[in-house]
N, C-alpha and C. Protein backbone atom coordinates (compact mmCIF):
# COMPACT_ATOMS: atom_id res chain seq x y z
N MET A 1 -10.35 -58.96 -119.47
CA MET A 1 -9.92 -58.56 -120.81
C MET A 1 -8.79 -57.53 -120.65
N GLY A 2 -7.72 -57.70 -121.48
CA GLY A 2 -6.57 -56.82 -121.35
C GLY A 2 -6.81 -55.45 -121.96
N ASP A 3 -5.89 -54.55 -121.69
CA ASP A 3 -6.00 -53.19 -122.19
C ASP A 3 -6.04 -53.14 -123.72
N ILE A 4 -5.26 -53.99 -124.37
CA ILE A 4 -5.23 -53.99 -125.83
C ILE A 4 -6.58 -54.44 -126.39
N SER A 5 -7.16 -55.46 -125.80
CA SER A 5 -8.46 -55.94 -126.26
C SER A 5 -9.52 -54.85 -126.14
N LYS A 6 -9.48 -54.11 -125.03
CA LYS A 6 -10.45 -53.03 -124.83
C LYS A 6 -10.25 -51.94 -125.87
N ALA A 7 -8.99 -51.61 -126.16
CA ALA A 7 -8.70 -50.57 -127.15
C ALA A 7 -9.16 -51.02 -128.53
N LEU A 8 -8.95 -52.29 -128.86
CA LEU A 8 -9.39 -52.80 -130.16
C LEU A 8 -10.91 -52.76 -130.29
N GLU A 9 -11.60 -53.09 -129.22
CA GLU A 9 -13.06 -53.03 -129.26
C GLU A 9 -13.55 -51.61 -129.48
N ARG A 10 -12.87 -50.63 -128.87
CA ARG A 10 -13.27 -49.24 -129.02
C ARG A 10 -13.12 -48.74 -130.45
N ILE A 11 -12.13 -49.25 -131.19
CA ILE A 11 -11.96 -48.79 -132.57
C ILE A 11 -12.71 -49.68 -133.56
N GLY A 12 -13.46 -50.67 -133.05
CA GLY A 12 -14.30 -51.47 -133.93
C GLY A 12 -13.63 -52.72 -134.46
N ALA A 13 -12.54 -53.15 -133.87
CA ALA A 13 -11.85 -54.35 -134.34
C ALA A 13 -12.24 -55.53 -133.48
N ARG A 14 -13.53 -55.87 -133.48
CA ARG A 14 -14.04 -56.95 -132.63
C ARG A 14 -13.45 -58.31 -133.00
N ASP A 15 -13.20 -58.55 -134.29
CA ASP A 15 -12.70 -59.86 -134.70
C ASP A 15 -11.28 -60.12 -134.18
N LEU A 16 -10.54 -59.08 -133.82
CA LEU A 16 -9.18 -59.27 -133.32
C LEU A 16 -9.15 -59.44 -131.80
N THR A 17 -10.25 -59.08 -131.12
CA THR A 17 -10.23 -59.15 -129.66
C THR A 17 -10.52 -60.55 -129.15
N GLY A 18 -11.20 -61.34 -129.89
CA GLY A 18 -11.52 -62.70 -129.46
C GLY A 18 -10.82 -63.71 -130.34
N ALA A 19 -11.49 -64.81 -130.59
CA ALA A 19 -11.04 -65.84 -131.51
C ALA A 19 -9.67 -66.39 -131.15
N GLY A 20 -9.40 -66.53 -129.85
CA GLY A 20 -8.16 -67.17 -129.43
C GLY A 20 -6.92 -66.30 -129.49
N MET A 21 -7.08 -65.02 -129.83
CA MET A 21 -5.90 -64.16 -129.89
C MET A 21 -5.60 -63.63 -128.50
N THR A 22 -4.33 -63.67 -128.17
CA THR A 22 -3.91 -63.11 -126.88
C THR A 22 -2.92 -62.00 -127.16
N GLN A 23 -2.62 -61.26 -126.13
CA GLN A 23 -1.70 -60.15 -126.29
C GLN A 23 -0.34 -60.68 -126.78
N GLY A 24 0.20 -60.06 -127.85
CA GLY A 24 1.49 -60.45 -128.38
C GLY A 24 1.43 -61.48 -129.50
N THR A 25 0.26 -61.91 -129.91
CA THR A 25 0.15 -62.85 -131.02
C THR A 25 -0.41 -62.14 -132.23
N ARG A 26 -0.23 -62.76 -133.38
CA ARG A 26 -0.71 -62.19 -134.64
C ARG A 26 -1.65 -63.16 -135.34
N PRO A 27 -2.52 -62.63 -136.19
CA PRO A 27 -3.35 -63.54 -136.99
C PRO A 27 -2.46 -64.27 -138.01
N PRO A 28 -2.91 -65.41 -138.54
CA PRO A 28 -2.11 -66.13 -139.51
C PRO A 28 -1.82 -65.28 -140.75
N PHE A 29 -0.64 -65.48 -141.31
CA PHE A 29 -0.22 -64.73 -142.50
C PHE A 29 -0.99 -65.21 -143.72
N GLU A 30 -1.56 -64.28 -144.45
CA GLU A 30 -2.25 -64.61 -145.70
C GLU A 30 -1.59 -63.82 -146.82
N PRO A 31 -0.85 -64.51 -147.71
CA PRO A 31 -0.16 -63.80 -148.78
C PRO A 31 -1.13 -63.21 -149.79
N LYS A 32 -0.69 -62.15 -150.45
CA LYS A 32 -1.50 -61.54 -151.50
C LYS A 32 -1.61 -62.49 -152.67
N PRO A 33 -2.69 -62.42 -153.43
CA PRO A 33 -2.77 -63.26 -154.63
C PRO A 33 -1.71 -62.84 -155.65
N ALA A 34 -1.28 -63.79 -156.46
CA ALA A 34 -0.24 -63.52 -157.47
C ALA A 34 -0.73 -62.47 -158.46
N GLN A 35 0.18 -61.57 -158.85
CA GLN A 35 -0.13 -60.56 -159.84
C GLN A 35 0.62 -60.88 -161.12
N GLY A 36 0.08 -60.48 -162.22
CA GLY A 36 0.75 -60.69 -163.50
C GLY A 36 1.95 -59.78 -163.65
N ALA A 37 2.69 -59.98 -164.71
CA ALA A 37 3.87 -59.15 -164.99
C ALA A 37 3.46 -57.72 -165.29
N LYS A 38 4.34 -56.80 -164.98
CA LYS A 38 4.10 -55.40 -165.26
C LYS A 38 4.18 -55.18 -166.77
N PRO A 39 3.25 -54.46 -167.36
CA PRO A 39 3.28 -54.26 -168.81
C PRO A 39 4.48 -53.42 -169.23
N PRO A 40 4.99 -53.62 -170.45
CA PRO A 40 6.12 -52.83 -170.90
C PRO A 40 5.76 -51.34 -170.96
N ALA A 41 6.77 -50.51 -170.72
CA ALA A 41 6.53 -49.07 -170.71
C ALA A 41 7.73 -48.35 -171.32
N VAL A 42 7.51 -47.15 -171.78
CA VAL A 42 8.57 -46.32 -172.33
C VAL A 42 8.72 -45.13 -171.40
N GLY A 43 9.96 -44.86 -170.98
CA GLY A 43 10.21 -43.72 -170.10
C GLY A 43 10.10 -42.40 -170.84
N LYS A 44 9.66 -41.38 -170.13
CA LYS A 44 9.54 -40.06 -170.72
C LYS A 44 10.19 -39.05 -169.80
N SER A 45 10.88 -38.11 -170.38
CA SER A 45 11.53 -37.06 -169.62
C SER A 45 10.56 -35.90 -169.40
N LYS A 46 10.61 -35.32 -168.22
CA LYS A 46 9.78 -34.15 -167.94
C LYS A 46 10.34 -32.90 -168.62
N SER A 47 11.65 -32.91 -168.86
CA SER A 47 12.27 -31.72 -169.43
C SER A 47 12.15 -31.66 -170.95
N GLY A 48 11.66 -32.71 -171.57
CA GLY A 48 11.52 -32.70 -173.01
C GLY A 48 12.74 -33.25 -173.72
N GLY A 49 13.81 -33.48 -172.99
CA GLY A 49 15.01 -34.07 -173.59
C GLY A 49 15.77 -33.09 -174.45
N GLY A 50 17.05 -33.18 -174.44
CA GLY A 50 17.87 -32.29 -175.25
C GLY A 50 18.47 -33.04 -176.42
N LYS A 51 18.81 -32.33 -177.42
CA LYS A 51 19.45 -32.92 -178.60
C LYS A 51 20.93 -32.66 -178.52
N SER A 52 21.71 -33.63 -178.93
CA SER A 52 23.16 -33.47 -178.96
C SER A 52 23.52 -32.57 -180.13
N SER A 53 24.44 -31.66 -179.89
CA SER A 53 24.87 -30.81 -180.98
C SER A 53 26.22 -31.29 -181.48
N GLY A 54 26.38 -31.39 -182.74
CA GLY A 54 27.67 -31.76 -183.30
C GLY A 54 27.80 -33.22 -183.63
N GLY A 55 27.25 -34.10 -182.82
CA GLY A 55 27.29 -35.52 -183.14
C GLY A 55 28.63 -36.17 -182.91
N ASN A 56 29.34 -36.50 -183.97
CA ASN A 56 30.55 -37.31 -183.89
C ASN A 56 31.80 -36.53 -183.50
N ASN A 57 31.74 -35.75 -182.47
CA ASN A 57 32.88 -34.93 -182.07
C ASN A 57 34.02 -35.74 -181.47
N LEU A 58 33.71 -36.81 -180.77
CA LEU A 58 34.74 -37.58 -180.08
C LEU A 58 34.97 -38.94 -180.74
N VAL A 59 35.25 -38.93 -182.02
CA VAL A 59 35.54 -40.17 -182.74
C VAL A 59 37.04 -40.21 -183.01
N GLU A 60 37.65 -41.33 -182.59
CA GLU A 60 39.09 -41.48 -182.75
C GLU A 60 39.44 -41.75 -184.20
N LEU A 61 40.49 -41.10 -184.69
CA LEU A 61 40.93 -41.25 -186.08
C LEU A 61 41.37 -42.68 -186.34
N SER A 62 42.29 -43.17 -185.53
CA SER A 62 42.80 -44.53 -185.71
C SER A 62 43.38 -45.03 -184.40
N TYR A 63 43.15 -46.27 -184.12
CA TYR A 63 43.71 -46.89 -182.93
C TYR A 63 45.24 -46.82 -182.97
N ALA A 64 45.80 -46.91 -184.14
CA ALA A 64 47.26 -46.92 -184.30
C ALA A 64 47.90 -45.59 -183.95
N THR A 65 47.13 -44.50 -183.91
CA THR A 65 47.72 -43.18 -183.61
C THR A 65 47.76 -42.89 -182.10
N ARG A 66 47.32 -43.81 -181.28
CA ARG A 66 47.34 -43.59 -179.83
C ARG A 66 48.77 -43.49 -179.31
N GLU A 67 48.94 -42.66 -178.30
CA GLU A 67 50.21 -42.58 -177.59
C GLU A 67 49.96 -43.07 -176.16
N TYR A 68 50.96 -43.74 -175.59
CA TYR A 68 50.80 -44.34 -174.27
C TYR A 68 51.86 -43.85 -173.30
N TYR A 69 51.50 -43.85 -172.01
CA TYR A 69 52.48 -43.64 -170.96
C TYR A 69 53.26 -44.94 -170.80
N GLU A 70 54.30 -44.89 -169.99
CA GLU A 70 55.13 -46.05 -169.76
C GLU A 70 54.32 -47.19 -169.13
N GLU A 71 54.61 -48.41 -169.53
CA GLU A 71 53.91 -49.57 -168.99
C GLU A 71 54.16 -49.68 -167.49
N ARG A 72 53.15 -50.10 -166.75
CA ARG A 72 53.28 -50.24 -165.30
C ARG A 72 52.47 -51.43 -164.82
N SER A 73 52.75 -51.86 -163.62
CA SER A 73 52.01 -52.98 -163.01
C SER A 73 51.02 -52.40 -162.02
N ILE A 74 49.84 -52.99 -162.01
CA ILE A 74 48.86 -52.64 -160.97
C ILE A 74 48.53 -53.91 -160.22
N PHE A 75 48.25 -53.78 -158.93
CA PHE A 75 48.05 -54.93 -158.05
C PHE A 75 46.70 -54.85 -157.35
N SER A 76 46.13 -56.01 -157.05
CA SER A 76 44.90 -56.04 -156.27
C SER A 76 45.23 -55.59 -154.84
N SER A 77 44.20 -55.29 -154.05
CA SER A 77 44.43 -54.76 -152.71
C SER A 77 45.20 -55.73 -151.82
N ASP A 78 45.05 -57.03 -152.05
CA ASP A 78 45.79 -58.00 -151.23
C ASP A 78 47.08 -58.46 -151.89
N GLY A 79 47.36 -57.97 -153.11
CA GLY A 79 48.61 -58.27 -153.78
C GLY A 79 48.67 -59.61 -154.48
N THR A 80 47.58 -60.36 -154.49
CA THR A 80 47.61 -61.68 -155.12
C THR A 80 47.43 -61.63 -156.63
N ILE A 81 46.87 -60.56 -157.15
CA ILE A 81 46.65 -60.44 -158.59
C ILE A 81 47.35 -59.19 -159.09
N SER A 82 48.05 -59.32 -160.20
CA SER A 82 48.69 -58.15 -160.80
C SER A 82 48.50 -58.21 -162.31
N MET A 83 48.61 -57.06 -162.96
CA MET A 83 48.57 -57.04 -164.42
C MET A 83 49.34 -55.83 -164.92
N ARG A 84 49.83 -55.95 -166.13
CA ARG A 84 50.59 -54.88 -166.78
C ARG A 84 49.63 -54.06 -167.63
N VAL A 85 49.72 -52.75 -167.52
CA VAL A 85 48.86 -51.86 -168.31
C VAL A 85 49.69 -50.76 -168.93
N ARG A 86 49.20 -50.24 -170.02
CA ARG A 86 49.80 -49.08 -170.68
C ARG A 86 48.73 -47.99 -170.75
N PRO A 87 48.73 -47.05 -169.82
CA PRO A 87 47.70 -45.99 -169.82
C PRO A 87 47.81 -45.12 -171.08
N ILE A 88 46.67 -44.75 -171.63
CA ILE A 88 46.63 -43.91 -172.83
C ILE A 88 47.07 -42.49 -172.49
N LYS A 89 47.98 -41.96 -173.27
CA LYS A 89 48.49 -40.61 -173.09
C LYS A 89 47.73 -39.62 -173.98
N ALA A 90 47.50 -39.98 -175.25
CA ALA A 90 46.82 -39.07 -176.17
C ALA A 90 46.21 -39.86 -177.33
N ILE A 91 45.14 -39.30 -177.88
CA ILE A 91 44.52 -39.84 -179.10
C ILE A 91 44.29 -38.69 -180.06
N VAL A 92 44.15 -39.01 -181.33
CA VAL A 92 43.86 -38.00 -182.35
C VAL A 92 42.44 -38.25 -182.85
N LEU A 93 41.63 -37.20 -182.85
CA LEU A 93 40.23 -37.31 -183.27
C LEU A 93 40.11 -37.11 -184.78
N THR A 94 38.95 -37.47 -185.33
CA THR A 94 38.73 -37.37 -186.77
C THR A 94 38.79 -35.93 -187.27
N ASN A 95 38.52 -34.97 -186.39
CA ASN A 95 38.59 -33.56 -186.81
C ASN A 95 40.02 -33.00 -186.69
N GLY A 96 41.00 -33.88 -186.39
CA GLY A 96 42.39 -33.47 -186.29
C GLY A 96 42.82 -33.01 -184.91
N GLN A 97 41.88 -32.86 -184.01
CA GLN A 97 42.19 -32.40 -182.66
C GLN A 97 42.89 -33.51 -181.87
N ARG A 98 43.90 -33.13 -181.10
CA ARG A 98 44.63 -34.08 -180.27
C ARG A 98 44.06 -33.99 -178.85
N LEU A 99 43.67 -35.12 -178.30
CA LEU A 99 43.07 -35.17 -176.97
C LEU A 99 44.07 -35.84 -176.03
N GLU A 100 44.56 -35.09 -175.02
CA GLU A 100 45.57 -35.61 -174.10
C GLU A 100 44.95 -35.94 -172.75
N PHE A 101 45.42 -37.05 -172.15
CA PHE A 101 44.95 -37.50 -170.84
C PHE A 101 46.05 -37.28 -169.81
N LYS A 102 45.64 -36.91 -168.58
CA LYS A 102 46.62 -36.74 -167.51
C LYS A 102 47.22 -38.10 -167.14
N GLU A 103 48.46 -38.08 -166.69
CA GLU A 103 49.10 -39.32 -166.29
C GLU A 103 48.46 -39.82 -165.00
N PRO A 104 48.05 -41.09 -164.96
CA PRO A 104 47.42 -41.62 -163.75
C PRO A 104 48.43 -41.74 -162.61
N PRO A 105 47.94 -41.71 -161.39
CA PRO A 105 48.87 -41.84 -160.25
C PRO A 105 49.53 -43.23 -160.26
N PRO A 106 50.74 -43.31 -159.69
CA PRO A 106 51.44 -44.60 -159.68
C PRO A 106 50.77 -45.64 -158.81
């Protein structure tokens, strides 16, 4: 009897020491029985969640009031695809505030 078989017998795993098992083999795979779907759940925050203050602070006044940087072409990494874009320069919010964006790198 090999060393592994002796060790298994010492820990009480008699069924693994015999029954045609040799060193380096495994018992046949037996899958777990199928389980049903997980029931629906609602996530909960440990911090109690915060409330937004102000609400509609970042609502654009009108799409037509947008200002744009100069049109430019952007290319895929291999150069096979390109498209023309006009990056947004500024928008006007409903509270009259003007929100300006930095010019993107070329």
